[in-house]
């Protein structure tokens, strides 16, 4: 691998995502990037990963993970020393779908910038919150955040709730955001507004490069046409009947809004 190779990293721990997620990520990257590139997976189980994926052990997590918040705080493992991985890296969540060319993610701004996606679903008015499903950093630059977090993980999690808010507000030197439209949220930007989603399938917005699936709706759900893995796709008439015959598992308004037609382009693009 040459010194100018584009470096992409991901993290896999536990059993939520199998090796097929990492392998599909590698396939999507390879089809949408100008080589050379390297994908590095930090994981506690490298079984089943494509031989072209560089496997590294999970970095040390020498503090107690918060238990009362929803943020993906174990991702903080990547903020410090990454062993032989140095320089600028692009981090990608395992459940993203790549829909456009990635080259510009490596040339945007200054190599020393910490660059985040914009979270479209902040619950605080006027807050510009970063989204860490797709972000770029210089390895080690966020190490001071590990020191702050390590001192009292639960207190930091209680204050910021999500690790991406902590990064947005406390990253050394501040953060930048990807240009508008490069990174889009499946539910917010691809799924048609209600009730148009009853007749129209999700679409890829013009100019999008990466689709993120923050929340419980993941690529297999988009392919199947369901709002979460706890659902199953029903034809529209059946979905509407289920709202009133006792089969719905959530409130009436949520059930009516949580309808999704199967998404063919996710099935086509989300592959090895």
C-alpha atoms as a PDB file:
ATOM      1  CA  UNK A   1       0.000   0.000   0.000  1.00  0.00           C
ATOM      2  CA  UNK A   2       1.416   3.365  -1.009  1.00  0.00           C
ATOM      3  CA  UNK A   3       1.888   6.257   1.386  1.00  0.00           C
ATOM      4  CA  UNK A   4      -0.745   8.348  -0.410  1.00  0.00           C
ATOM      5  CA  UNK A   5      -3.472   5.710  -0.078  1.00  0.00           C
ATOM      6  CA  UNK A   6      -6.834   6.973   1.123  1.00  0.00           C
ATOM      7  CA  UNK A   7      -7.493   5.541   4.587  1.00  0.00           C
ATOM      8  CA  UNK A   8     -10.986   4.532   5.721  1.00  0.00           C
ATOM      9  CA  UNK A   9     -11.645   3.077   9.165  1.00  0.00           C
ATOM     10  CA  UNK A  10     -14.634   1.381  10.745  1.00  0.00           C
ATOM     11  CA  UNK A  11     -15.368  -0.336  14.050  1.00  0.00           C
ATOM     12  CA  UNK A  12     -17.243  -3.566  14.810  1.00  0.00           C
ATOM     13  CA  UNK A  13     -17.827  -4.915  18.278  1.00  0.00           C
ATOM     14  CA  UNK A  14     -20.337  -7.367  19.705  1.00  0.00           C
ATOM     15  CA  UNK A  15     -22.875  -9.207  17.573  1.00  0.00           C
ATOM     16  CA  UNK A  16     -25.214  -6.512  16.194  1.00  0.00           C
ATOM     17  CA  UNK A  17     -23.424  -6.379  12.827  1.00  0.00           C
ATOM     18  CA  UNK A  18     -21.912  -9.449  11.202  1.00  0.00           C
ATOM     19  CA  UNK A  19     -18.911  -9.563   8.856  1.00  0.00           C
ATOM     20  CA  UNK A  20     -21.188  -9.098   5.843  1.00  0.00           C
ATOM     21  CA  UNK A  21     -21.684  -5.452   6.856  1.00  0.00           C
ATOM     22  CA  UNK A  22     -17.942  -4.784   6.698  1.00  0.00           C
ATOM     23  CA  UNK A  23     -17.571  -6.719   3.450  1.00  0.00           C
ATOM     24  CA  UNK A  24     -20.405  -4.767   1.846  1.00  0.00           C
ATOM     25  CA  UNK A  25     -18.813  -1.544   3.021  1.00  0.00           C
ATOM     26  CA  UNK A  26     -15.547  -2.574   1.363  1.00  0.00           C
ATOM     27  CA  UNK A  27     -17.360  -3.392  -1.873  1.00  0.00           C
ATOM     28  CA  UNK A  28     -19.162  -0.046  -1.952  1.00  0.00           C
ATOM     29  CA  UNK A  29     -15.945   1.850  -1.238  1.00  0.00           C
ATOM     30  CA  UNK A  30     -14.075   0.021  -4.005  1.00  0.00           C
ATOM     31  CA  UNK A  31     -16.769   0.920  -6.541  1.00  0.00           C
ATOM     32  CA  UNK A  32     -16.838   4.588  -5.557  1.00  0.00           C
ATOM     33  CA  UNK A  33     -13.241   5.679  -4.977  1.00  0.00           C
ATOM     34  CA  UNK A  34     -10.107   6.355  -6.991  1.00  0.00           C
ATOM     35  CA  UNK A  35      -7.460   3.899  -5.762  1.00  0.00           C
ATOM     36  CA  UNK A  36      -5.298   3.301  -3.888  1.00  0.00           C
ATOM     37  CA  UNK A  37      -7.261   2.994  -0.672  1.00  0.00           C
ATOM     38  CA  UNK A  38      -7.218   0.919   2.492  1.00  0.00           C
ATOM     39  CA  UNK A  39     -10.126  -0.095   4.715  1.00  0.00           C
ATOM     40  CA  UNK A  40      -9.157  -0.861   8.321  1.00  0.00           C
ATOM     41  CA  UNK A  41     -11.651  -2.567  10.628  1.00  0.00           C
ATOM     42  CA  UNK A  42     -11.076  -2.324  14.373  1.00  0.00           C
ATOM     43  CA  UNK A  43     -12.885  -5.316  15.832  1.00  0.00           C
ATOM     44  CA  UNK A  44     -13.073  -7.966  18.518  1.00  0.00           C
ATOM     45  CA  UNK A  45     -13.838 -10.624  15.870  1.00  0.00           C
ATOM     46  CA  UNK A  46     -12.304 -10.545  12.406  1.00  0.00           C
ATOM     47  CA  UNK A  47     -13.760 -13.865  11.268  1.00  0.00           C
ATOM     48  CA  UNK A  48     -15.364 -13.795   7.841  1.00  0.00           C
ATOM     49  CA  UNK A  49     -13.896 -10.465   6.736  1.00  0.00           C
ATOM     50  CA  UNK A  50     -12.716 -10.018   3.146  1.00  0.00           C
ATOM     51  CA  UNK A  51      -8.946 -10.603   2.842  1.00  0.00           C
ATOM     52  CA  UNK A  52      -8.427  -7.076   1.484  1.00  0.00           C
ATOM     53  CA  UNK A  53      -9.684  -5.570   4.762  1.00  0.00           C
ATOM     54  CA  UNK A  54      -6.925  -4.725   7.251  1.00  0.00           C
ATOM     55  CA  UNK A  55      -8.000  -6.077  10.652  1.00  0.00           C
ATOM     56  CA  UNK A  56      -6.825  -4.442  13.867  1.00  0.00           C
ATOM     57  CA  UNK A  57      -7.797  -5.158  17.491  1.00  0.00           C
ATOM     58  CA  UNK A  58     -10.148  -2.788  19.264  1.00  0.00           C
ATOM     59  CA  UNK A  59      -8.148   0.019  20.906  1.00  0.00           C
ATOM     60  CA  UNK A  60      -8.135  -0.037  24.695  1.00  0.00           C
ATOM     61  CA  UNK A  61     -11.300   1.159  26.404  1.00  0.00           C
ATOM     62  CA  UNK A  62      -9.947   1.667  29.910  1.00  0.00           C
ATOM     63  CA  UNK A  63     -13.039   3.328  31.376  1.00  0.00           C
ATOM     64  CA  UNK A  64     -16.564   2.256  32.190  1.00  0.00           C
ATOM     65  CA  UNK A  65     -19.050   2.784  29.380  1.00  0.00           C
ATOM     66  CA  UNK A  66     -22.062   4.923  30.315  1.00  0.00           C
ATOM     67  CA  UNK A  67     -25.239   2.953  30.940  1.00  0.00           C
ATOM     68  CA  UNK A  68     -27.936   5.638  31.141  1.00  0.00           C
ATOM     69  CA  UNK A  69     -27.610   7.278  27.718  1.00  0.00           C
ATOM     70  CA  UNK A  70     -28.215   6.367  24.084  1.00  0.00           C
ATOM     71  CA  UNK A  71     -24.961   7.526  22.488  1.00  0.00           C
ATOM     72  CA  UNK A  72     -22.512   5.118  20.861  1.00  0.00           C
ATOM     73  CA  UNK A  73     -19.794   5.922  23.381  1.00  0.00           C
ATOM     74  CA  UNK A  74     -17.638   2.842  22.601  1.00  0.00           C
ATOM     75  CA  UNK A  75     -16.764   4.640  19.346  1.00  0.00           C
ATOM     76  CA  UNK A  76     -14.576   6.849  21.551  1.00  0.00           C
ATOM     77  CA  UNK A  77     -12.003   4.038  21.323  1.00  0.00           C
ATOM     78  CA  UNK A  78     -10.958   5.567  18.001  1.00  0.00           C
ATOM     79  CA  UNK A  79     -10.205   9.049  19.322  1.00  0.00           C
ATOM     80  CA  UNK A  80      -6.694   8.234  20.529  1.00  0.00           C
ATOM     81  CA  UNK A  81      -3.735   6.116  19.441  1.00  0.00           C
ATOM     82  CA  UNK A  82      -4.532   3.688  16.609  1.00  0.00           C
ATOM     83  CA  UNK A  83      -1.222   1.849  16.511  1.00  0.00           C
ATOM     84  CA  UNK A  84       0.204   1.704  13.008  1.00  0.00           C
ATOM     85  CA  UNK A  85      -2.708   3.714  11.583  1.00  0.00           C
ATOM     86  CA  UNK A  86      -1.589   7.342  11.409  1.00  0.00           C
ATOM     87  CA  UNK A  87      -2.382  10.468   9.433  1.00  0.00           C
ATOM     88  CA  UNK A  88      -5.816  11.435   8.151  1.00  0.00           C
ATOM     89  CA  UNK A  89      -8.614   8.866   8.172  1.00  0.00           C
ATOM     90  CA  UNK A  90     -12.247   8.825   7.082  1.00  0.00           C
ATOM     91  CA  UNK A  91     -14.548   6.979   9.478  1.00  0.00           C
ATOM     92  CA  UNK A  92     -17.679   5.248   8.158  1.00  0.00           C
ATOM     93  CA  UNK A  93     -20.411   3.510  10.123  1.00  0.00           C
ATOM     94  CA  UNK A  94     -21.077  -0.061   9.045  1.00  0.00           C
ATOM     95  CA  UNK A  95     -24.689   0.588   8.051  1.00  0.00           C
ATOM     96  CA  UNK A  96     -24.149   3.400   5.547  1.00  0.00           C
ATOM     97  CA  UNK A  97     -24.975   3.052   1.849  1.00  0.00           C
ATOM     98  CA  UNK A  98     -22.502   4.697  -0.537  1.00  0.00           C
ATOM     99  CA  UNK A  99     -24.306   6.225  -3.510  1.00  0.00           C
ATOM    100  CA  UNK A 100     -21.640   8.498  -5.034  1.00  0.00           C
ATOM    101  CA  UNK A 101     -17.921   9.141  -5.374  1.00  0.00           C
ATOM    102  CA  UNK A 102     -15.876   9.415  -2.161  1.00  0.00           C
ATOM    103  CA  UNK A 103     -12.765  11.187  -3.429  1.00  0.00           C
ATOM    104  CA  UNK A 104     -13.832  14.662  -2.279  1.00  0.00           C
ATOM    105  CA  UNK A 105     -14.131  13.495   1.324  1.00  0.00           C
ATOM    106  CA  UNK A 106     -10.336  13.291   1.377  1.00  0.00           C
ATOM    107  CA  UNK A 107      -9.603  16.685  -0.208  1.00  0.00           C
ATOM    108  CA  UNK A 108     -12.267  18.889   1.400  1.00  0.00           C
ATOM    109  CA  UNK A 109     -10.813  21.528   3.736  1.00  0.00           C
ATOM    110  CA  UNK A 110      -7.477  21.101   5.471  1.00  0.00           C
ATOM    111  CA  UNK A 111      -6.089  17.628   6.287  1.00  0.00           C
ATOM    112  CA  UNK A 112      -5.942  18.689   9.941  1.00  0.00           C
ATOM    113  CA  UNK A 113      -9.662  19.548  10.077  1.00  0.00           C
ATOM    114  CA  UNK A 114     -12.129  17.415  11.996  1.00  0.00           C
ATOM    115  CA  UNK A 115     -15.051  17.220   9.573  1.00  0.00           C
ATOM    116  CA  UNK A 116     -18.481  15.880  10.527  1.00  0.00           C
ATOM    117  CA  UNK A 117     -21.791  15.341   8.795  1.00  0.00           C
ATOM    118  CA  UNK A 118     -24.666  17.543   9.926  1.00  0.00           C
ATOM    119  CA  UNK A 119     -27.273  15.802  12.053  1.00  0.00           C
ATOM    120  CA  UNK A 120     -30.736  16.664  10.687  1.00  0.00           C
ATOM    121  CA  UNK A 121     -32.574  15.582  13.834  1.00  0.00           C
ATOM    122  CA  UNK A 122     -31.230  17.659  16.717  1.00  0.00           C
ATOM    123  CA  UNK A 123     -33.828  18.036  19.470  1.00  0.00           C
ATOM    124  CA  UNK A 124     -32.427  21.421  20.514  1.00  0.00           C
ATOM    125  CA  UNK A 125     -33.648  24.449  18.526  1.00  0.00           C
ATOM    126  CA  UNK A 126     -31.000  26.121  16.350  1.00  0.00           C
ATOM    127  CA  UNK A 127     -28.322  23.600  17.368  1.00  0.00           C
ATOM    128  CA  UNK A 128     -25.926  22.642  14.595  1.00  0.00           C
ATOM    129  CA  UNK A 129     -25.125  19.149  15.732  1.00  0.00           C
ATOM    130  CA  UNK A 130     -22.505  16.967  14.092  1.00  0.00           C
ATOM    131  CA  UNK A 131     -23.173  13.388  13.031  1.00  0.00           C
ATOM    132  CA  UNK A 132     -20.346  10.875  13.441  1.00  0.00           C
ATOM    133  CA  UNK A 133     -21.602   8.246  11.017  1.00  0.00           C
ATOM    134  CA  UNK A 134     -19.265   9.866   8.462  1.00  0.00           C
ATOM    135  CA  UNK A 135     -16.387  11.971   9.774  1.00  0.00           C
ATOM    136  CA  UNK A 136     -12.752  12.689   9.020  1.00  0.00           C
ATOM    137  CA  UNK A 137      -9.991  13.313  11.538  1.00  0.00           C
ATOM    138  CA  UNK A 138      -6.269  13.293  11.994  1.00  0.00           C
ATOM    139  CA  UNK A 139      -5.449  10.273  14.135  1.00  0.00           C
ATOM    140  CA  UNK A 140      -4.829  11.340  17.724  1.00  0.00           C
ATOM    141  CA  UNK A 141      -6.275  14.826  17.431  1.00  0.00           C
ATOM    142  CA  UNK A 142      -9.340  13.848  19.479  1.00  0.00           C
ATOM    143  CA  UNK A 143      -7.242  12.180  22.199  1.00  0.00           C
ATOM    144  CA  UNK A 144      -7.911  15.083  24.623  1.00  0.00           C
ATOM    145  CA  UNK A 145     -11.588  14.126  24.454  1.00  0.00           C
ATOM    146  CA  UNK A 146     -10.695  10.670  25.719  1.00  0.00           C
ATOM    147  CA  UNK A 147      -8.958  12.241  28.716  1.00  0.00           C
ATOM    148  CA  UNK A 148     -12.007  14.375  29.525  1.00  0.00           C
ATOM    149  CA  UNK A 149     -14.367  11.446  29.076  1.00  0.00           C
ATOM    150  CA  UNK A 150     -12.207   9.035  31.068  1.00  0.00           C
ATOM    151  CA  UNK A 151     -12.331  11.281  34.149  1.00  0.00           C
ATOM    152  CA  UNK A 152     -16.117  10.755  34.535  1.00  0.00           C
ATOM    153  CA  UNK A 153     -17.766   8.902  31.638  1.00  0.00           C
ATOM    154  CA  UNK A 154     -21.281   8.920  33.024  1.00  0.00           C
ATOM    155  CA  UNK A 155     -21.225  12.631  33.868  1.00  0.00           C
ATOM    156  CA  UNK A 156     -20.029  13.491  30.346  1.00  0.00           C
ATOM    157  CA  UNK A 157     -22.682  11.240  28.811  1.00  0.00           C
ATOM    158  CA  UNK A 158     -25.372  12.770  31.019  1.00  0.00           C
ATOM    159  CA  UNK A 159     -24.341  16.267  29.944  1.00  0.00           C
ATOM    160  CA  UNK A 160     -23.971  15.633  26.206  1.00  0.00           C
ATOM    161  CA  UNK A 161     -26.192  12.538  25.799  1.00  0.00           C
ATOM    162  CA  UNK A 162     -24.653  11.544  22.453  1.00  0.00           C
ATOM    163  CA  UNK A 163     -20.957  11.129  21.690  1.00  0.00           C
ATOM    164  CA  UNK A 164     -21.422  13.170  18.512  1.00  0.00           C
ATOM    165  CA  UNK A 165     -22.582  16.201  20.516  1.00  0.00           C
ATOM    166  CA  UNK A 166     -19.483  15.870  22.705  1.00  0.00           C
ATOM    167  CA  UNK A 167     -17.267  15.795  19.604  1.00  0.00           C
ATOM    168  CA  UNK A 168     -19.130  18.707  18.001  1.00  0.00           C
ATOM    169  CA  UNK A 169     -18.734  20.962  21.013  1.00  0.00           C
ATOM    170  CA  UNK A 170     -15.391  19.921  22.437  1.00  0.00           C
ATOM    171  CA  UNK A 171     -13.165  18.804  19.539  1.00  0.00           C
ATOM    172  CA  UNK A 172      -9.773  20.575  19.718  1.00  0.00           C
ATOM    173  CA  UNK A 173      -9.798  23.380  17.155  1.00  0.00           C
ATOM    174  CA  UNK A 174     -13.510  22.973  16.543  1.00  0.00           C
ATOM    175  CA  UNK A 175     -15.210  21.077  13.730  1.00  0.00           C
ATOM    176  CA  UNK A 176     -16.222  21.672  10.133  1.00  0.00           C
ATOM    177  CA  UNK A 177     -19.166  20.135   8.297  1.00  0.00           C
ATOM    178  CA  UNK A 178     -19.357  18.399   4.939  1.00  0.00           C
ATOM    179  CA  UNK A 179     -20.980  20.459   2.193  1.00  0.00           C
ATOM    180  CA  UNK A 180     -24.755  20.351   2.263  1.00  0.00           C
ATOM    181  CA  UNK A 181     -26.165  17.282   0.541  1.00  0.00           C
ATOM    182  CA  UNK A 182     -23.077  15.083   0.514  1.00  0.00           C
ATOM    183  CA  UNK A 183     -24.279  13.018   3.483  1.00  0.00           C
ATOM    184  CA  UNK A 184     -28.026  12.444   3.752  1.00  0.00           C
ATOM    185  CA  UNK A 185     -30.216  10.725   6.333  1.00  0.00           C
ATOM    186  CA  UNK A 186     -32.420   7.971   4.937  1.00  0.00           C
ATOM    187  CA  UNK A 187     -35.547   8.771   6.956  1.00  0.00           C
ATOM    188  CA  UNK A 188     -35.173  12.554   6.760  1.00  0.00           C
ATOM    189  CA  UNK A 189     -33.982  13.006   3.172  1.00  0.00           C
ATOM    190  CA  UNK A 190     -34.848   9.870   1.168  1.00  0.00           C
ATOM    191  CA  UNK A 191     -38.273   8.795   2.436  1.00  0.00           C
ATOM    192  CA  UNK A 192     -41.072  10.916   0.910  1.00  0.00           C
ATOM    193  CA  UNK A 193     -43.135  13.045   3.262  1.00  0.00           C
ATOM    194  CA  UNK A 194     -46.314  11.537   4.650  1.00  0.00           C
ATOM    195  CA  UNK A 195     -48.681  10.607   3.009  1.00  0.00           C
ATOM    196  CA  UNK A 196     -46.661  10.596  -0.252  1.00  0.00           C
ATOM    197  CA  UNK A 197     -44.674   7.643   1.123  1.00  0.00           C
ATOM    198  CA  UNK A 198     -47.837   5.557   0.685  1.00  0.00           C
ATOM    199  CA  UNK A 199     -47.326   5.717  -3.091  1.00  0.00           C
ATOM    200  CA  UNK A 200     -43.700   6.746  -3.638  1.00  0.00           C
ATOM    201  CA  UNK A 201     -40.601   4.713  -2.813  1.00  0.00           C
ATOM    202  CA  UNK A 202     -37.580   6.367  -1.151  1.00  0.00           C
ATOM    203  CA  UNK A 203     -35.237   8.134  -3.556  1.00  0.00           C
ATOM    204  CA  UNK A 204     -31.584   9.227  -3.621  1.00  0.00           C
ATOM    205  CA  UNK A 205     -31.396  13.031  -3.373  1.00  0.00           C
ATOM    206  CA  UNK A 206     -29.462  14.747  -6.159  1.00  0.00           C
ATOM    207  CA  UNK A 207     -25.798  15.181  -5.236  1.00  0.00           C
ATOM    208  CA  UNK A 208     -25.812  12.685  -2.373  1.00  0.00           C
ATOM    209  CA  UNK A 209     -22.639  10.647  -1.799  1.00  0.00           C
ATOM    210  CA  UNK A 210     -23.474   8.676   1.360  1.00  0.00           C
ATOM    211  CA  UNK A 211     -26.798   7.713   2.942  1.00  0.00           C
ATOM    212  CA  UNK A 212     -26.722   7.172   6.706  1.00  0.00           C
ATOM    213  CA  UNK A 213     -29.178   5.071   8.684  1.00  0.00           C
ATOM    214  CA  UNK A 214     -29.037   6.542  12.173  1.00  0.00           C
ATOM    215  CA  UNK A 215     -31.745   5.035  14.385  1.00  0.00           C
ATOM    216  CA  UNK A 216     -33.558   1.704  14.198  1.00  0.00           C
ATOM    217  CA  UNK A 217     -34.215   1.701  10.430  1.00  0.00           C
ATOM    218  CA  UNK A 218     -31.229  -0.010   8.797  1.00  0.00           C
ATOM    219  CA  UNK A 219     -30.465  -1.095   5.201  1.00  0.00           C
ATOM    220  CA  UNK A 220     -32.177  -4.520   5.513  1.00  0.00           C
ATOM    221  CA  UNK A 221     -35.316  -2.719   6.709  1.00  0.00           C
ATOM    222  CA  UNK A 222     -35.202  -0.294   3.777  1.00  0.00           C
ATOM    223  CA  UNK A 223     -34.869  -3.207   1.365  1.00  0.00           C
ATOM    224  CA  UNK A 224     -37.794  -5.060   2.966  1.00  0.00           C
ATOM    225  CA  UNK A 225     -39.974  -1.951   3.290  1.00  0.00           C
ATOM    226  CA  UNK A 226     -40.368  -1.873   7.058  1.00  0.00           C
ATOM    227  CA  UNK A 227     -39.733   0.810   9.668  1.00  0.00           C
ATOM    228  CA  UNK A 228     -37.629  -1.460  11.909  1.00  0.00           C
ATOM    229  CA  UNK A 229     -36.646  -5.100  12.273  1.00  0.00           C
ATOM    230  CA  UNK A 230     -39.642  -5.521  14.607  1.00  0.00           C
ATOM    231  CA  UNK A 231     -41.998  -4.857  11.678  1.00  0.00           C
ATOM    232  CA  UNK A 232     -42.834  -6.632   8.462  1.00  0.00           C
ATOM    233  CA  UNK A 233     -43.855  -5.006   5.228  1.00  0.00           C
ATOM    234  CA  UNK A 234     -47.572  -4.936   4.570  1.00  0.00           C
ATOM    235  CA  UNK A 235     -49.356  -3.790   1.431  1.00  0.00           C
ATOM    236  CA  UNK A 236     -50.796  -0.324   1.956  1.00  0.00           C
ATOM    237  CA  UNK A 237     -54.408  -1.439   2.437  1.00  0.00           C
ATOM    238  CA  UNK A 238     -53.300  -4.044   4.980  1.00  0.00           C
ATOM    239  CA  UNK A 239     -51.116  -1.513   6.785  1.00  0.00           C
ATOM    240  CA  UNK A 240     -54.102   0.818   7.132  1.00  0.00           C
ATOM    241  CA  UNK A 241     -56.364  -1.989   8.391  1.00  0.00           C
ATOM    242  CA  UNK A 242     -53.714  -2.977  10.945  1.00  0.00           C
ATOM    243  CA  UNK A 243     -53.977   0.508  12.436  1.00  0.00           C
ATOM    244  CA  UNK A 244     -57.488  -0.266  13.670  1.00  0.00           C
ATOM    245  CA  UNK A 245     -57.728  -4.038  14.186  1.00  0.00           C
ATOM    246  CA  UNK A 246     -55.323  -4.422  17.122  1.00  0.00           C
ATOM    247  CA  UNK A 247     -52.212  -5.442  15.208  1.00  0.00           C
ATOM    248  CA  UNK A 248     -50.254  -2.193  15.492  1.00  0.00           C
ATOM    249  CA  UNK A 249     -47.424  -2.111  18.058  1.00  0.00           C
ATOM    250  CA  UNK A 250     -47.265   1.693  18.459  1.00  0.00           C
ATOM    251  CA  UNK A 251     -49.536   4.720  18.625  1.00  0.00           C
ATOM    252  CA  UNK A 252     -52.027   5.352  15.832  1.00  0.00           C
ATOM    253  CA  UNK A 253     -50.226   8.407  14.441  1.00  0.00           C
ATOM    254  CA  UNK A 254     -46.853   6.654  14.480  1.00  0.00           C
ATOM    255  CA  UNK A 255     -48.262   3.551  12.820  1.00  0.00           C
ATOM    256  CA  UNK A 256     -49.851   5.572  10.033  1.00  0.00           C
ATOM    257  CA  UNK A 257     -46.630   7.531   9.408  1.00  0.00           C
ATOM    258  CA  UNK A 258     -44.302   4.541   9.686  1.00  0.00           C
ATOM    259  CA  UNK A 259     -45.042   3.113   6.276  1.00  0.00           C
ATOM    260  CA  UNK A 260     -42.254   2.381   3.820  1.00  0.00           C
ATOM    261  CA  UNK A 261     -42.228   0.965   0.339  1.00  0.00           C
ATOM    262  CA  UNK A 262     -39.350  -1.455  -0.445  1.00  0.00           C
ATOM    263  CA  UNK A 263     -36.241   0.433  -1.587  1.00  0.00           C
ATOM    264  CA  UNK A 264     -34.749  -1.202  -4.668  1.00  0.00           C
ATOM    265  CA  UNK A 265     -31.672   1.021  -4.884  1.00  0.00           C
ATOM    266  CA  UNK A 266     -30.502  -0.012  -1.407  1.00  0.00           C
ATOM    267  CA  UNK A 267     -30.686  -3.662  -2.474  1.00  0.00           C
ATOM    268  CA  UNK A 268     -28.757  -2.800  -5.652  1.00  0.00           C
ATOM    269  CA  UNK A 269     -25.982  -0.750  -4.031  1.00  0.00           C
ATOM    270  CA  UNK A 270     -25.578  -2.351  -0.590  1.00  0.00           C
ATOM    271  CA  UNK A 271     -23.554  -5.375  -1.669  1.00  0.00           C
ATOM    272  CA  UNK A 272     -20.052  -6.790  -1.581  1.00  0.00           C
END
